[in-house]
Amino acid sequence: MKERISGKEEEEEQEGKFDQLKRKVLAPKYLLLLCVFSLFMMSPVSAADNETATMDLSSMTSLIDQVADLMPSFGDLAIAVVPILFIFIIIGFVTGLLDGLLDMIRSVLK
């Protein structure tokens, strides 16, 4: 006579079958994904081996000049914002300290 499998053993058997199915289905997909990304990584390297390949950097110099012109304004902005941040930090510290003191006094008077 066949023994009856308990519900827990049956669930474990189903999970085992599901894991095997996942491995059979997902393993080729992961392998394909690995191959595709490997090819993407190899293509810049193979392009770098070409001795005739050159890059025109003249447009980059104008872009770098424009970014460099913006830097002083970012520095001025940071210099203007830092004192305001310090003021907010000090106000937050003082109000938190006073709030803690008031909570302590309230808890003692209860």
C-alpha atoms as a PDB file:
ATOM      1  CA  MET A   1       0.000   0.000   0.000  1.00  0.00           C
ATOM      2  CA  LYS A   2       1.097   3.506  -0.729  1.00  0.00           C
ATOM      3  CA  GLU A   3       1.740   5.674   2.236  1.00  0.00           C
ATOM      4  CA  ARG A   4       0.009   8.987   2.298  1.00  0.00           C
ATOM      5  CA  ILE A   5       2.419  11.934   2.059  1.00  0.00           C
ATOM      6  CA  SER A   6       1.795  14.652   4.570  1.00  0.00           C
ATOM      7  CA  GLY A   7       0.969  18.169   3.372  1.00  0.00           C
ATOM      8  CA  LYS A   8       4.342  19.548   4.410  1.00  0.00           C
ATOM      9  CA  GLU A   9       6.290  16.877   2.539  1.00  0.00           C
ATOM     10  CA  GLU A  10       4.102  17.425  -0.526  1.00  0.00           C
ATOM     11  CA  GLU A  11       4.772  21.172  -0.447  1.00  0.00           C
ATOM     12  CA  GLU A  12       8.525  20.563  -0.153  1.00  0.00           C
ATOM     13  CA  GLU A  13       8.373  18.207  -3.121  1.00  0.00           C
ATOM     14  CA  GLN A  14       6.468  20.806  -5.177  1.00  0.00           C
ATOM     15  CA  GLU A  15       8.976  23.519  -4.206  1.00  0.00           C
ATOM     16  CA  GLY A  16      11.839  21.241  -5.250  1.00  0.00           C
ATOM     17  CA  LYS A  17      10.230  20.670  -8.636  1.00  0.00           C
ATOM     18  CA  PHE A  18       9.658  24.410  -8.999  1.00  0.00           C
ATOM     19  CA  ASP A  19      13.301  25.162  -8.175  1.00  0.00           C
ATOM     20  CA  GLN A  20      14.462  22.640 -10.776  1.00  0.00           C
ATOM     21  CA  LEU A  21      12.127  24.199 -13.350  1.00  0.00           C
ATOM     22  CA  LYS A  22      13.425  27.675 -12.528  1.00  0.00           C
ATOM     23  CA  ARG A  23      17.011  26.500 -12.989  1.00  0.00           C
ATOM     24  CA  LYS A  24      16.214  24.893 -16.333  1.00  0.00           C
ATOM     25  CA  VAL A  25      14.392  27.975 -17.617  1.00  0.00           C
ATOM     26  CA  LEU A  26      16.475  30.790 -16.118  1.00  0.00           C
ATOM     27  CA  ALA A  27      19.981  29.388 -16.576  1.00  0.00           C
ATOM     28  CA  PRO A  28      19.994  29.784 -20.384  1.00  0.00           C
ATOM     29  CA  LYS A  29      18.557  33.290 -20.065  1.00  0.00           C
ATOM     30  CA  TYR A  30      21.273  34.334 -17.620  1.00  0.00           C
ATOM     31  CA  LEU A  31      23.917  32.814 -19.862  1.00  0.00           C
ATOM     32  CA  LEU A  32      22.570  34.733 -22.857  1.00  0.00           C
ATOM     33  CA  LEU A  33      22.506  37.937 -20.808  1.00  0.00           C
ATOM     34  CA  LEU A  34      26.112  37.364 -19.732  1.00  0.00           C
ATOM     35  CA  CYS A  35      27.182  36.814 -23.351  1.00  0.00           C
ATOM     36  CA  VAL A  36      25.412  39.974 -24.551  1.00  0.00           C
ATOM     37  CA  PHE A  37      26.973  42.155 -21.862  1.00  0.00           C
ATOM     38  CA  SER A  38      30.376  40.597 -22.521  1.00  0.00           C
ATOM     39  CA  LEU A  39      30.058  41.589 -26.164  1.00  0.00           C
ATOM     40  CA  PHE A  40      29.109  45.129 -25.145  1.00  0.00           C
ATOM     41  CA  MET A  41      32.227  45.299 -22.993  1.00  0.00           C
ATOM     42  CA  MET A  42      34.457  43.932 -25.762  1.00  0.00           C
ATOM     43  CA  SER A  43      33.329  46.314 -28.499  1.00  0.00           C
ATOM     44  CA  PRO A  44      34.977  49.467 -27.042  1.00  0.00           C
ATOM     45  CA  VAL A  45      38.194  47.537 -26.527  1.00  0.00           C
ATOM     46  CA  SER A  46      38.223  46.325 -30.119  1.00  0.00           C
ATOM     47  CA  ALA A  47      37.546  49.873 -31.331  1.00  0.00           C
ATOM     48  CA  ALA A  48      40.494  51.146 -29.301  1.00  0.00           C
ATOM     49  CA  ASP A  49      42.840  48.812 -31.184  1.00  0.00           C
ATOM     50  CA  ASN A  50      42.119  50.593 -34.451  1.00  0.00           C
ATOM     51  CA  GLU A  51      45.130  52.810 -35.216  1.00  0.00           C
ATOM     52  CA  THR A  52      43.276  55.039 -37.678  1.00  0.00           C
ATOM     53  CA  ALA A  53      40.565  56.032 -35.208  1.00  0.00           C
ATOM     54  CA  THR A  54      40.868  59.650 -34.060  1.00  0.00           C
ATOM     55  CA  MET A  55      38.702  61.882 -31.944  1.00  0.00           C
ATOM     56  CA  ASP A  56      37.885  65.505 -32.675  1.00  0.00           C
ATOM     57  CA  LEU A  57      38.238  67.291 -29.350  1.00  0.00           C
ATOM     58  CA  SER A  58      37.724  70.844 -30.623  1.00  0.00           C
ATOM     59  CA  SER A  59      34.070  70.900 -29.561  1.00  0.00           C
ATOM     60  CA  MET A  60      35.056  69.603 -26.132  1.00  0.00           C
ATOM     61  CA  THR A  61      37.309  72.574 -25.455  1.00  0.00           C
ATOM     62  CA  SER A  62      34.445  75.044 -25.875  1.00  0.00           C
ATOM     63  CA  LEU A  63      32.293  72.929 -23.559  1.00  0.00           C
ATOM     64  CA  ILE A  64      35.040  72.852 -20.935  1.00  0.00           C
ATOM     65  CA  ASP A  65      35.461  76.622 -21.228  1.00  0.00           C
ATOM     66  CA  GLN A  66      31.737  77.153 -20.658  1.00  0.00           C
ATOM     67  CA  VAL A  67      31.739  74.884 -17.603  1.00  0.00           C
ATOM     68  CA  ALA A  68      34.779  76.703 -16.226  1.00  0.00           C
ATOM     69  CA  ASP A  69      32.951  80.021 -16.618  1.00  0.00           C
ATOM     70  CA  LEU A  70      30.110  78.661 -14.454  1.00  0.00           C
ATOM     71  CA  MET A  71      32.367  77.556 -11.610  1.00  0.00           C
ATOM     72  CA  PRO A  72      32.860  80.965  -9.951  1.00  0.00           C
ATOM     73  CA  SER A  73      29.100  81.467  -9.790  1.00  0.00           C
ATOM     74  CA  PHE A  74      28.735  78.068  -8.079  1.00  0.00           C
ATOM     75  CA  GLY A  75      31.428  79.127  -5.615  1.00  0.00           C
ATOM     76  CA  ASP A  76      29.615  82.391  -4.896  1.00  0.00           C
ATOM     77  CA  LEU A  77      26.391  80.469  -4.372  1.00  0.00           C
ATOM     78  CA  ALA A  78      28.037  78.113  -1.880  1.00  0.00           C
ATOM     79  CA  ILE A  79      29.615  81.026  -0.012  1.00  0.00           C
ATOM     80  CA  ALA A  80      26.202  82.739   0.205  1.00  0.00           C
ATOM     81  CA  VAL A  81      24.348  79.599   1.362  1.00  0.00           C
ATOM     82  CA  VAL A  82      26.750  78.285   4.025  1.00  0.00           C
ATOM     83  CA  PRO A  83      26.091  81.045   6.624  1.00  0.00           C
ATOM     84  CA  ILE A  84      22.341  80.567   6.244  1.00  0.00           C
ATOM     85  CA  LEU A  85      22.765  76.827   6.804  1.00  0.00           C
ATOM     86  CA  PHE A  86      24.805  77.508   9.948  1.00  0.00           C
ATOM     87  CA  ILE A  87      22.051  79.783  11.264  1.00  0.00           C
ATOM     88  CA  PHE A  88      19.424  77.078  10.644  1.00  0.00           C
ATOM     89  CA  ILE A  89      21.618  74.490  12.359  1.00  0.00           C
ATOM     90  CA  ILE A  90      22.063  76.692  15.432  1.00  0.00           C
ATOM     91  CA  ILE A  91      18.334  77.493  15.593  1.00  0.00           C
ATOM     92  CA  GLY A  92      17.472  73.801  15.281  1.00  0.00           C
ATOM     93  CA  PHE A  93      19.931  72.886  18.033  1.00  0.00           C
ATOM     94  CA  VAL A  94      18.624  75.555  20.425  1.00  0.00           C
ATOM     95  CA  THR A  95      14.955  74.721  19.829  1.00  0.00           C
ATOM     96  CA  GLY A  96      15.683  70.995  20.239  1.00  0.00           C
ATOM     97  CA  LEU A  97      17.558  71.670  23.474  1.00  0.00           C
ATOM     98  CA  LEU A  98      14.742  73.817  24.853  1.00  0.00           C
ATOM     99  CA  ASP A  99      12.152  71.239  23.777  1.00  0.00           C
ATOM    100  CA  GLY A 100      14.115  68.527  25.585  1.00  0.00           C
ATOM    101  CA  LEU A 101      14.346  70.661  28.730  1.00  0.00           C
ATOM    102  CA  LEU A 102      10.617  71.394  28.677  1.00  0.00           C
ATOM    103  CA  ASP A 103       9.803  67.695  28.210  1.00  0.00           C
ATOM    104  CA  MET A 104      12.088  66.833  31.117  1.00  0.00           C
ATOM    105  CA  ILE A 105      10.387  69.435  33.361  1.00  0.00           C
ATOM    106  CA  ARG A 106       6.938  68.190  32.328  1.00  0.00           C
ATOM    107  CA  SER A 107       7.864  64.578  33.103  1.00  0.00           C
ATOM    108  CA  VAL A 108       9.185  65.583  36.557  1.00  0.00           C
ATOM    109  CA  LEU A 109       6.039  67.595  37.430  1.00  0.00           C
ATOM    110  CA  LYS A 110       3.636  64.740  36.526  1.00  0.00           C
END
